[in-house]
Amino acid sequence: MSKVIGIFAFLLLTLPLTGLMEWLGAAVSSGLKGEKPPGLLRAVIKPVLLYRKPWGESPKEKLTAFFHLAFAMAGGSVFFAGGSIALSFLLLVFAEAVMVYKIGHNERDPLSTGFESETASASYSACQLFLAAAGFYCFNRLLYYKGSFLVSGIVSSQTAPSFYMPAMLMGFIWMLVNESGIGLSSIDKNCEYLEKEQAMYESGRRFRKATLFGVLFIFNYGGTVLSALISGGICLLVWLFGLLLHEPYSRPWNPRAASAVSAVLLIASFINLFVLFQLTDGLR
């Protein structure tokens, strides 16, 4: 029953909650500029209103939009149902791969940040997610003497995985702050040009981002109320940093510097996984 509740809560609450986060981001932006913040109600229901836009003319665009949204929703549903985190990550990677394919074959997309930057971001995300999945498997084995990818086992461990996976946590946070904000501000600028397919892409990004923040939460959750509050606070801080570290609040990232940081964090995450594997191997 709890699995069904988790899935329905994820599917029903993600869009309005991410709309609320978008409004908070817009409120922060308006406060920094000394302007009046936008209306709260419209920001919360806007993800649903976007589906009132007409369909585009390309059948291929409809198909890729559907698969991107379906993979993102399926990945989040598996995670919030307490299922395999490896399967959840694989589905999220498929969703991002569809987005990369779409950007590579549709240059007019107003939400794209460029094919090369999207490809680099997706590649780093896939590597970091698979390393994290392996790390969670070793974490479960270290605590239960049996490896498992189940999210339910990670949450019920009464120990925060971040104590055993600090490098993976840093790499995961870097992945989150480098991605676009939880509410894409370009929607406001280009809303009149959006078609229903692009609304589906936007929804897919929201479902994916909500799942990733759920993963960040369990990274720091140790089974107590205090750890839940700390983990929730970390999620809010990462969201705020991700907002402020993007334009127009800061200069664009230097591509070489960003690539260097990503490479260092991937290597550190791999070393972290190797150490975890050695610890679990000693249990034999």
C-alpha atoms as a PDB file:
ATOM      1  CA  MET A   1       0.000   0.000   0.000  1.00  0.00           C
ATOM      2  CA  SER A   2       2.843   2.379   0.849  1.00  0.00           C
ATOM      3  CA  LYS A   3       4.322   1.786  -2.617  1.00  0.00           C
ATOM      4  CA  VAL A   4       1.075   2.832  -4.287  1.00  0.00           C
ATOM      5  CA  ILE A   5       0.829   5.918  -2.075  1.00  0.00           C
ATOM      6  CA  GLY A   6       4.431   6.859  -2.930  1.00  0.00           C
ATOM      7  CA  ILE A   7       3.786   6.555  -6.665  1.00  0.00           C
ATOM      8  CA  PHE A   8       0.529   8.530  -6.626  1.00  0.00           C
ATOM      9  CA  ALA A   9       2.023  11.235  -4.380  1.00  0.00           C
ATOM     10  CA  PHE A  10       4.955  11.604  -6.784  1.00  0.00           C
ATOM     11  CA  LEU A  11       2.780  11.757  -9.899  1.00  0.00           C
ATOM     12  CA  LEU A  12       0.167  14.108  -8.434  1.00  0.00           C
ATOM     13  CA  LEU A  13       2.308  16.475  -6.369  1.00  0.00           C
ATOM     14  CA  THR A  14       5.451  16.929  -8.470  1.00  0.00           C
ATOM     15  CA  LEU A  15       4.076  19.478 -10.935  1.00  0.00           C
ATOM     16  CA  PRO A  16       2.369  21.789  -8.382  1.00  0.00           C
ATOM     17  CA  LEU A  17       5.308  21.543  -5.965  1.00  0.00           C
ATOM     18  CA  THR A  18       7.848  22.333  -8.670  1.00  0.00           C
ATOM     19  CA  GLY A  19       5.562  25.182  -9.707  1.00  0.00           C
ATOM     20  CA  LEU A  20       5.802  26.451  -6.145  1.00  0.00           C
ATOM     21  CA  MET A  21       9.603  26.167  -6.283  1.00  0.00           C
ATOM     22  CA  GLU A  22       9.547  28.083  -9.568  1.00  0.00           C
ATOM     23  CA  TRP A  23       7.538  30.824  -7.877  1.00  0.00           C
ATOM     24  CA  LEU A  24      10.050  30.954  -5.012  1.00  0.00           C
ATOM     25  CA  GLY A  25      12.847  31.290  -7.537  1.00  0.00           C
ATOM     26  CA  ALA A  26      10.994  34.077  -9.316  1.00  0.00           C
ATOM     27  CA  ALA A  27      10.352  35.753  -5.953  1.00  0.00           C
ATOM     28  CA  VAL A  28      14.073  35.642  -5.136  1.00  0.00           C
ATOM     29  CA  SER A  29      14.847  37.075  -8.581  1.00  0.00           C
ATOM     30  CA  SER A  30      12.274  39.843  -8.161  1.00  0.00           C
ATOM     31  CA  GLY A  31      13.589  40.658  -4.686  1.00  0.00           C
ATOM     32  CA  LEU A  32      17.144  41.013  -5.986  1.00  0.00           C
ATOM     33  CA  LYS A  33      15.902  43.313  -8.750  1.00  0.00           C
ATOM     34  CA  GLY A  34      13.537  45.277  -6.492  1.00  0.00           C
ATOM     35  CA  GLU A  35      10.509  44.178  -8.509  1.00  0.00           C
ATOM     36  CA  LYS A  36       7.131  42.754  -7.526  1.00  0.00           C
ATOM     37  CA  PRO A  37       7.036  38.920  -7.453  1.00  0.00           C
ATOM     38  CA  PRO A  38       4.671  37.057  -9.817  1.00  0.00           C
ATOM     39  CA  GLY A  39       1.356  35.574  -8.694  1.00  0.00           C
ATOM     40  CA  LEU A  40       1.622  32.388  -6.638  1.00  0.00           C
ATOM     41  CA  LEU A  41      -1.489  30.657  -7.976  1.00  0.00           C
ATOM     42  CA  ARG A  42      -0.521  31.011 -11.626  1.00  0.00           C
ATOM     43  CA  ALA A  43       2.992  29.662 -10.941  1.00  0.00           C
ATOM     44  CA  VAL A  44       1.579  26.584  -9.170  1.00  0.00           C
ATOM     45  CA  ILE A  45      -0.958  25.702 -11.871  1.00  0.00           C
ATOM     46  CA  LYS A  46       1.166  26.821 -14.852  1.00  0.00           C
ATOM     47  CA  PRO A  47       2.705  23.351 -15.487  1.00  0.00           C
ATOM     48  CA  VAL A  48      -0.820  22.071 -16.080  1.00  0.00           C
ATOM     49  CA  LEU A  49      -1.933  25.098 -18.114  1.00  0.00           C
ATOM     50  CA  LEU A  50       0.947  24.521 -20.534  1.00  0.00           C
ATOM     51  CA  TYR A  51      -0.875  21.431 -21.810  1.00  0.00           C
ATOM     52  CA  ARG A  52      -3.533  23.696 -23.289  1.00  0.00           C
ATOM     53  CA  LYS A  53      -1.066  24.558 -26.047  1.00  0.00           C
ATOM     54  CA  PRO A  54      -1.680  22.978 -29.481  1.00  0.00           C
ATOM     55  CA  TRP A  55       0.187  19.943 -30.755  1.00  0.00           C
ATOM     56  CA  GLY A  56       3.065  20.488 -33.134  1.00  0.00           C
ATOM     57  CA  GLU A  57       3.179  19.143 -36.659  1.00  0.00           C
ATOM     58  CA  SER A  58       6.067  16.672 -36.295  1.00  0.00           C
ATOM     59  CA  PRO A  59       5.134  13.058 -35.394  1.00  0.00           C
ATOM     60  CA  LYS A  60       8.760  12.420 -34.355  1.00  0.00           C
ATOM     61  CA  GLU A  61       8.582  15.340 -31.926  1.00  0.00           C
ATOM     62  CA  LYS A  62       5.435  13.892 -30.353  1.00  0.00           C
ATOM     63  CA  LEU A  63       7.084  10.500 -29.959  1.00  0.00           C
ATOM     64  CA  THR A  64      10.277  11.818 -28.358  1.00  0.00           C
ATOM     65  CA  ALA A  65       8.283  14.096 -26.029  1.00  0.00           C
ATOM     66  CA  PHE A  66       6.168  11.138 -24.913  1.00  0.00           C
ATOM     67  CA  PHE A  67       9.192   8.908 -24.250  1.00  0.00           C
ATOM     68  CA  HIS A  68      11.037  11.643 -22.354  1.00  0.00           C
ATOM     69  CA  LEU A  69       8.055  12.211 -20.064  1.00  0.00           C
ATOM     70  CA  ALA A  70       7.310   8.482 -19.708  1.00  0.00           C
ATOM     71  CA  PHE A  71      10.899   7.590 -18.761  1.00  0.00           C
ATOM     72  CA  ALA A  72      11.092  10.452 -16.243  1.00  0.00           C
ATOM     73  CA  MET A  73       7.771   9.523 -14.642  1.00  0.00           C
ATOM     74  CA  ALA A  74       8.659   5.824 -14.544  1.00  0.00           C
ATOM     75  CA  GLY A  75      12.079   6.505 -12.988  1.00  0.00           C
ATOM     76  CA  GLY A  76      10.581   8.665 -10.270  1.00  0.00           C
ATOM     77  CA  SER A  77       7.777   6.183  -9.617  1.00  0.00           C
ATOM     78  CA  VAL A  78      10.265   3.348  -9.076  1.00  0.00           C
ATOM     79  CA  PHE A  79      12.271   5.495  -6.670  1.00  0.00           C
ATOM     80  CA  PHE A  80       9.356   6.781  -4.590  1.00  0.00           C
ATOM     81  CA  ALA A  81       7.860   3.281  -4.437  1.00  0.00           C
ATOM     82  CA  GLY A  82      11.035   2.116  -2.687  1.00  0.00           C
ATOM     83  CA  GLY A  83      12.150  -0.001  -5.638  1.00  0.00           C
ATOM     84  CA  SER A  84      15.526  -0.474  -7.288  1.00  0.00           C
ATOM     85  CA  ILE A  85      17.525   2.730  -7.361  1.00  0.00           C
ATOM     86  CA  ALA A  86      19.591   1.306 -10.222  1.00  0.00           C
ATOM     87  CA  LEU A  87      16.457   0.857 -12.361  1.00  0.00           C
ATOM     88  CA  SER A  88      15.285   4.342 -11.399  1.00  0.00           C
ATOM     89  CA  PHE A  89      18.620   5.856 -12.465  1.00  0.00           C
ATOM     90  CA  LEU A  90      18.604   3.873 -15.711  1.00  0.00           C
ATOM     91  CA  LEU A  91      15.174   5.236 -16.616  1.00  0.00           C
ATOM     92  CA  LEU A  92      16.298   8.798 -15.790  1.00  0.00           C
ATOM     93  CA  VAL A  93      19.342   8.337 -18.017  1.00  0.00           C
ATOM     94  CA  PHE A  94      17.042   7.175 -20.841  1.00  0.00           C
ATOM     95  CA  ALA A  95      14.921  10.307 -20.317  1.00  0.00           C
ATOM     96  CA  GLU A  96      17.995  12.513 -20.574  1.00  0.00           C
ATOM     97  CA  ALA A  97      19.208  10.606 -23.639  1.00  0.00           C
ATOM     98  CA  VAL A  98      15.885  11.344 -25.355  1.00  0.00           C
ATOM     99  CA  MET A  99      16.364  15.040 -24.526  1.00  0.00           C
ATOM    100  CA  VAL A 100      19.877  15.006 -26.010  1.00  0.00           C
ATOM    101  CA  TYR A 101      18.532  13.324 -29.141  1.00  0.00           C
ATOM    102  CA  LYS A 102      15.763  15.905 -29.375  1.00  0.00           C
ATOM    103  CA  ILE A 103      18.138  18.854 -29.033  1.00  0.00           C
ATOM    104  CA  GLY A 104      20.499  17.379 -31.599  1.00  0.00           C
ATOM    105  CA  HIS A 105      17.673  17.115 -34.127  1.00  0.00           C
ATOM    106  CA  ASN A 106      15.745  20.303 -33.324  1.00  0.00           C
ATOM    107  CA  GLU A 107      17.750  23.510 -33.357  1.00  0.00           C
ATOM    108  CA  ARG A 108      14.718  25.766 -32.869  1.00  0.00           C
ATOM    109  CA  ASP A 109      14.002  24.543 -29.322  1.00  0.00           C
ATOM    110  CA  PRO A 110      13.851  27.640 -27.059  1.00  0.00           C
ATOM    111  CA  LEU A 111      14.669  25.567 -23.951  1.00  0.00           C
ATOM    112  CA  SER A 112      17.902  24.109 -25.258  1.00  0.00           C
ATOM    113  CA  THR A 113      21.280  25.280 -23.978  1.00  0.00           C
ATOM    114  CA  GLY A 114      23.173  23.889 -26.933  1.00  0.00           C
ATOM    115  CA  PHE A 115      23.805  20.341 -28.068  1.00  0.00           C
ATOM    116  CA  GLU A 116      27.397  20.115 -26.866  1.00  0.00           C
ATOM    117  CA  SER A 117      26.730  21.427 -23.353  1.00  0.00           C
ATOM    118  CA  GLU A 118      23.641  19.210 -23.014  1.00  0.00           C
ATOM    119  CA  THR A 119      25.624  16.171 -24.144  1.00  0.00           C
ATOM    120  CA  ALA A 120      28.439  16.895 -21.692  1.00  0.00           C
ATOM    121  CA  SER A 121      25.952  17.415 -18.845  1.00  0.00           C
ATOM    122  CA  ALA A 122      24.069  14.209 -19.702  1.00  0.00           C
ATOM    123  CA  SER A 123      27.313  12.199 -19.884  1.00  0.00           C
ATOM    124  CA  TYR A 124      28.465  13.422 -16.475  1.00  0.00           C
ATOM    125  CA  SER A 125      25.008  12.814 -14.988  1.00  0.00           C
ATOM    126  CA  ALA A 126      24.894   9.239 -16.317  1.00  0.00           C
ATOM    127  CA  CYS A 127      28.360   8.409 -14.939  1.00  0.00           C
ATOM    128  CA  GLN A 128      27.581   9.983 -11.560  1.00  0.00           C
ATOM    129  CA  LEU A 129      24.229   8.214 -11.280  1.00  0.00           C
ATOM    130  CA  PHE A 130      25.665   4.790 -12.076  1.00  0.00           C
ATOM    131  CA  LEU A 131      28.515   5.293  -9.586  1.00  0.00           C
ATOM    132  CA  ALA A 132      25.987   6.369  -6.954  1.00  0.00           C
ATOM    133  CA  ALA A 133      23.830   3.298  -7.662  1.00  0.00           C
ATOM    134  CA  ALA A 134      26.832   1.027  -7.153  1.00  0.00           C
ATOM    135  CA  GLY A 135      27.697   2.963  -3.993  1.00  0.00           C
ATOM    136  CA  PHE A 136      24.196   2.463  -2.562  1.00  0.00           C
ATOM    137  CA  TYR A 137      24.473  -1.257  -3.352  1.00  0.00           C
ATOM    138  CA  CYS A 138      27.722  -1.486  -1.381  1.00  0.00           C
ATOM    139  CA  PHE A 139      26.197   0.628   1.406  1.00  0.00           C
ATOM    140  CA  ASN A 140      23.327  -1.854   1.780  1.00  0.00           C
ATOM    141  CA  ARG A 141      25.749  -4.759   1.748  1.00  0.00           C
ATOM    142  CA  LEU A 142      27.919  -3.128   4.389  1.00  0.00           C
ATOM    143  CA  LEU A 143      24.969  -2.687   6.742  1.00  0.00           C
ATOM    144  CA  TYR A 144      22.875  -5.782   5.957  1.00  0.00           C
ATOM    145  CA  TYR A 145      25.651  -8.160   4.766  1.00  0.00           C
ATOM    146  CA  LYS A 146      23.697  -8.467   1.535  1.00  0.00           C
ATOM    147  CA  GLY A 147      23.901  -6.153  -1.426  1.00  0.00           C
ATOM    148  CA  SER A 148      20.691  -4.506  -2.597  1.00  0.00           C
ATOM    149  CA  PHE A 149      19.619  -1.614  -4.799  1.00  0.00           C
ATOM    150  CA  LEU A 150      16.297  -1.190  -2.980  1.00  0.00           C
ATOM    151  CA  VAL A 151      15.515   2.349  -1.855  1.00  0.00           C
ATOM    152  CA  SER A 152      13.441   0.935   1.007  1.00  0.00           C
ATOM    153  CA  GLY A 153      16.568  -0.724   2.404  1.00  0.00           C
ATOM    154  CA  ILE A 154      18.582   2.492   2.156  1.00  0.00           C
ATOM    155  CA  VAL A 155      15.904   4.553   3.944  1.00  0.00           C
ATOM    156  CA  SER A 156      15.438   2.004   6.750  1.00  0.00           C
ATOM    157  CA  SER A 157      19.161   1.657   7.483  1.00  0.00           C
ATOM    158  CA  GLN A 158      19.112   4.258  10.317  1.00  0.00           C
ATOM    159  CA  THR A 159      22.430   5.544   8.944  1.00  0.00           C
ATOM    160  CA  ALA A 160      23.025   8.402   6.504  1.00  0.00           C
ATOM    161  CA  PRO A 161      24.736   7.049   3.361  1.00  0.00           C
ATOM    162  CA  SER A 162      26.696  10.315   3.085  1.00  0.00           C
ATOM    163  CA  PHE A 163      28.983   9.122   5.905  1.00  0.00           C
ATOM    164  CA  TYR A 164      30.147   6.301   3.620  1.00  0.00           C
ATOM    165  CA  MET A 165      29.748   8.106   0.279  1.00  0.00           C
ATOM    166  CA  PRO A 166      31.032  11.690   0.790  1.00  0.00           C
ATOM    167  CA  ALA A 167      32.705  12.011  -2.604  1.00  0.00           C
ATOM    168  CA  MET A 168      29.628  10.662  -4.384  1.00  0.00           C
ATOM    169  CA  LEU A 169      27.491  13.144  -2.467  1.00  0.00           C
ATOM    170  CA  MET A 170      29.690  16.040  -3.635  1.00  0.00           C
ATOM    171  CA  GLY A 171      29.563  14.783  -7.207  1.00  0.00           C
ATOM    172  CA  PHE A 172      25.797  14.459  -6.989  1.00  0.00           C
ATOM    173  CA  ILE A 173      25.431  18.009  -5.661  1.00  0.00           C
ATOM    174  CA  TRP A 174      27.676  19.306  -8.455  1.00  0.00           C
ATOM    175  CA  MET A 175      25.401  17.557 -10.952  1.00  0.00           C
ATOM    176  CA  LEU A 176      22.307  19.209  -9.456  1.00  0.00           C
ATOM    177  CA  VAL A 177      23.654  22.769  -9.264  1.00  0.00           C
ATOM    178  CA  ASN A 178      24.942  22.592 -12.844  1.00  0.00           C
ATOM    179  CA  GLU A 179      21.612  21.558 -14.264  1.00  0.00           C
ATOM    180  CA  SER A 180      18.906  24.050 -15.102  1.00  0.00           C
ATOM    181  CA  GLY A 181      16.753  25.330 -12.243  1.00  0.00           C
ATOM    182  CA  ILE A 182      13.788  23.301 -11.025  1.00  0.00           C
ATOM    183  CA  GLY A 183      11.485  25.768 -12.743  1.00  0.00           C
ATOM    184  CA  LEU A 184      12.747  26.778 -16.168  1.00  0.00           C
ATOM    185  CA  SER A 185      12.563  30.569 -16.322  1.00  0.00           C
ATOM    186  CA  SER A 186      12.652  30.406 -20.122  1.00  0.00           C
ATOM    187  CA  ILE A 187       9.053  29.204 -19.993  1.00  0.00           C
ATOM    188  CA  ASP A 188       7.993  32.735 -19.059  1.00  0.00           C
ATOM    189  CA  LYS A 189       9.967  34.258 -21.900  1.00  0.00           C
ATOM    190  CA  ASN A 190       8.894  31.800 -24.590  1.00  0.00           C
ATOM    191  CA  CYS A 191       5.505  30.624 -23.344  1.00  0.00           C
ATOM    192  CA  GLU A 192       3.655  31.946 -26.378  1.00  0.00           C
ATOM    193  CA  TYR A 193       5.832  29.860 -28.671  1.00  0.00           C
ATOM    194  CA  LEU A 194       5.445  26.602 -26.764  1.00  0.00           C
ATOM    195  CA  GLU A 195       3.650  23.606 -28.187  1.00  0.00           C
ATOM    196  CA  LYS A 196       2.223  20.705 -26.199  1.00  0.00           C
ATOM    197  CA  GLU A 197       5.347  18.624 -26.890  1.00  0.00           C
ATOM    198  CA  GLN A 198       7.564  21.231 -25.236  1.00  0.00           C
ATOM    199  CA  ALA A 199       5.220  21.256 -22.253  1.00  0.00           C
ATOM    200  CA  MET A 200       5.822  17.501 -21.992  1.00  0.00           C
ATOM    201  CA  TYR A 201       9.581  18.073 -22.086  1.00  0.00           C
ATOM    202  CA  GLU A 202       9.213  20.635 -19.316  1.00  0.00           C
ATOM    203  CA  SER A 203       7.158  18.211 -17.240  1.00  0.00           C
ATOM    204  CA  GLY A 204       9.734  15.482 -17.807  1.00  0.00           C
ATOM    205  CA  ARG A 205      12.500  17.741 -16.531  1.00  0.00           C
ATOM    206  CA  ARG A 206      10.426  18.530 -13.437  1.00  0.00           C
ATOM    207  CA  PHE A 207       9.754  14.859 -12.676  1.00  0.00           C
ATOM    208  CA  ARG A 208      13.432  14.056 -13.168  1.00  0.00           C
ATOM    209  CA  LYS A 209      14.608  16.935 -10.957  1.00  0.00           C
ATOM    210  CA  ALA A 210      12.122  15.987  -8.213  1.00  0.00           C
ATOM    211  CA  THR A 211      13.501  12.443  -8.240  1.00  0.00           C
ATOM    212  CA  LEU A 212      17.088  13.658  -8.029  1.00  0.00           C
ATOM    213  CA  PHE A 213      16.260  15.841  -5.045  1.00  0.00           C
ATOM    214  CA  GLY A 214      14.634  12.793  -3.480  1.00  0.00           C
ATOM    215  CA  VAL A 215      17.938  10.966  -3.919  1.00  0.00           C
ATOM    216  CA  LEU A 216      19.776  13.902  -2.342  1.00  0.00           C
ATOM    217  CA  PHE A 217      17.389  13.639   0.610  1.00  0.00           C
ATOM    218  CA  ILE A 218      18.125   9.953   1.276  1.00  0.00           C
ATOM    219  CA  PHE A 219      21.859  10.653   0.927  1.00  0.00           C
ATOM    220  CA  ASN A 220      21.647  12.537   4.235  1.00  0.00           C
ATOM    221  CA  TYR A 221      18.683  10.813   5.889  1.00  0.00           C
ATOM    222  CA  GLY A 222      19.542   8.695   8.921  1.00  0.00           C
ATOM    223  CA  GLY A 223      16.136   7.554  10.102  1.00  0.00           C
ATOM    224  CA  THR A 224      15.526  10.331  12.652  1.00  0.00           C
ATOM    225  CA  VAL A 225      13.502  13.524  12.648  1.00  0.00           C
ATOM    226  CA  LEU A 226      16.670  15.587  13.070  1.00  0.00           C
ATOM    227  CA  SER A 227      18.343  13.938  10.080  1.00  0.00           C
ATOM    228  CA  ALA A 228      15.170  14.531   8.034  1.00  0.00           C
ATOM    229  CA  LEU A 229      15.265  18.240   8.896  1.00  0.00           C
ATOM    230  CA  ILE A 230      18.982  18.432   8.082  1.00  0.00           C
ATOM    231  CA  SER A 231      18.483  16.589   4.808  1.00  0.00           C
ATOM    232  CA  GLY A 232      15.575  18.852   3.855  1.00  0.00           C
ATOM    233  CA  GLY A 233      17.697  21.903   4.656  1.00  0.00           C
ATOM    234  CA  ILE A 234      20.510  20.588   2.455  1.00  0.00           C
ATOM    235  CA  CYS A 235      18.045  20.110  -0.411  1.00  0.00           C
ATOM    236  CA  LEU A 236      16.865  23.709  -0.059  1.00  0.00           C
ATOM    237  CA  LEU A 237      20.436  25.034   0.032  1.00  0.00           C
ATOM    238  CA  VAL A 238      21.408  23.066  -3.068  1.00  0.00           C
ATOM    239  CA  TRP A 239      18.312  24.359  -4.866  1.00  0.00           C
ATOM    240  CA  LEU A 240      19.181  27.931  -3.854  1.00  0.00           C
ATOM    241  CA  PHE A 241      22.818  27.567  -4.945  1.00  0.00           C
ATOM    242  CA  GLY A 242      21.645  26.084  -8.239  1.00  0.00           C
ATOM    243  CA  LEU A 243      19.419  29.117  -8.726  1.00  0.00           C
ATOM    244  CA  LEU A 244      22.042  31.723  -7.836  1.00  0.00           C
ATOM    245  CA  LEU A 245      24.902  30.085  -9.732  1.00  0.00           C
ATOM    246  CA  HIS A 246      23.090  30.428 -13.052  1.00  0.00           C
ATOM    247  CA  GLU A 247      22.456  33.484 -15.155  1.00  0.00           C
ATOM    248  CA  PRO A 248      21.519  36.265 -14.599  1.00  0.00           C
ATOM    249  CA  TYR A 249      22.915  36.079 -11.052  1.00  0.00           C
ATOM    250  CA  SER A 250      26.417  34.938 -12.009  1.00  0.00           C
ATOM    251  CA  ARG A 251      28.691  34.654 -15.005  1.00  0.00           C
ATOM    252  CA  PRO A 252      28.481  31.573 -17.236  1.00  0.00           C
ATOM    253  CA  TRP A 253      30.685  28.652 -16.243  1.00  0.00           C
ATOM    254  CA  ASN A 254      34.038  28.367 -17.955  1.00  0.00           C
ATOM    255  CA  PRO A 255      33.606  25.120 -19.943  1.00  0.00           C
ATOM    256  CA  ARG A 256      37.159  23.927 -19.277  1.00  0.00           C
ATOM    257  CA  ALA A 257      36.951  24.662 -15.559  1.00  0.00           C
ATOM    258  CA  ALA A 258      33.551  22.950 -15.295  1.00  0.00           C
ATOM    259  CA  SER A 259      34.885  19.912 -17.170  1.00  0.00           C
ATOM    260  CA  ALA A 260      37.916  19.761 -14.890  1.00  0.00           C
ATOM    261  CA  VAL A 261      35.765  19.869 -11.750  1.00  0.00           C
ATOM    262  CA  SER A 262      33.475  17.179 -13.185  1.00  0.00           C
ATOM    263  CA  ALA A 263      36.450  14.941 -13.991  1.00  0.00           C
ATOM    264  CA  VAL A 264      37.929  15.375 -10.498  1.00  0.00           C
ATOM    265  CA  LEU A 265      34.610  14.571  -8.848  1.00  0.00           C
ATOM    266  CA  LEU A 266      34.089  11.506 -11.028  1.00  0.00           C
ATOM    267  CA  ILE A 267      37.537  10.213 -10.107  1.00  0.00           C
ATOM    268  CA  ALA A 268      36.875  10.945  -6.424  1.00  0.00           C
ATOM    269  CA  SER A 269      33.530   9.131  -6.647  1.00  0.00           C
ATOM    270  CA  PHE A 270      35.208   6.134  -8.252  1.00  0.00           C
ATOM    271  CA  ILE A 271      37.802   6.051  -5.455  1.00  0.00           C
ATOM    272  CA  ASN A 272      34.981   6.321  -2.918  1.00  0.00           C
ATOM    273  CA  LEU A 273      33.255   3.349  -4.578  1.00  0.00           C
ATOM    274  CA  PHE A 274      36.513   1.369  -4.596  1.00  0.00           C
ATOM    275  CA  VAL A 275      36.972   1.970  -0.855  1.00  0.00           C
ATOM    276  CA  LEU A 276      33.369   0.922  -0.193  1.00  0.00           C
ATOM    277  CA  PHE A 277      33.885  -2.210  -2.261  1.00  0.00           C
ATOM    278  CA  GLN A 278      37.011  -3.070  -0.279  1.00  0.00           C
ATOM    279  CA  LEU A 279      35.081  -2.638   2.985  1.00  0.00           C
ATOM    280  CA  THR A 280      32.291  -4.922   1.812  1.00  0.00           C
ATOM    281  CA  ASP A 281      34.774  -7.418   0.359  1.00  0.00           C
ATOM    282  CA  GLY A 282      36.292  -7.754   3.848  1.00  0.00           C
ATOM    283  CA  LEU A 283      32.933  -9.039   5.120  1.00  0.00           C
ATOM    284  CA  ARG A 284      33.357 -12.340   3.311  1.00  0.00           C
END
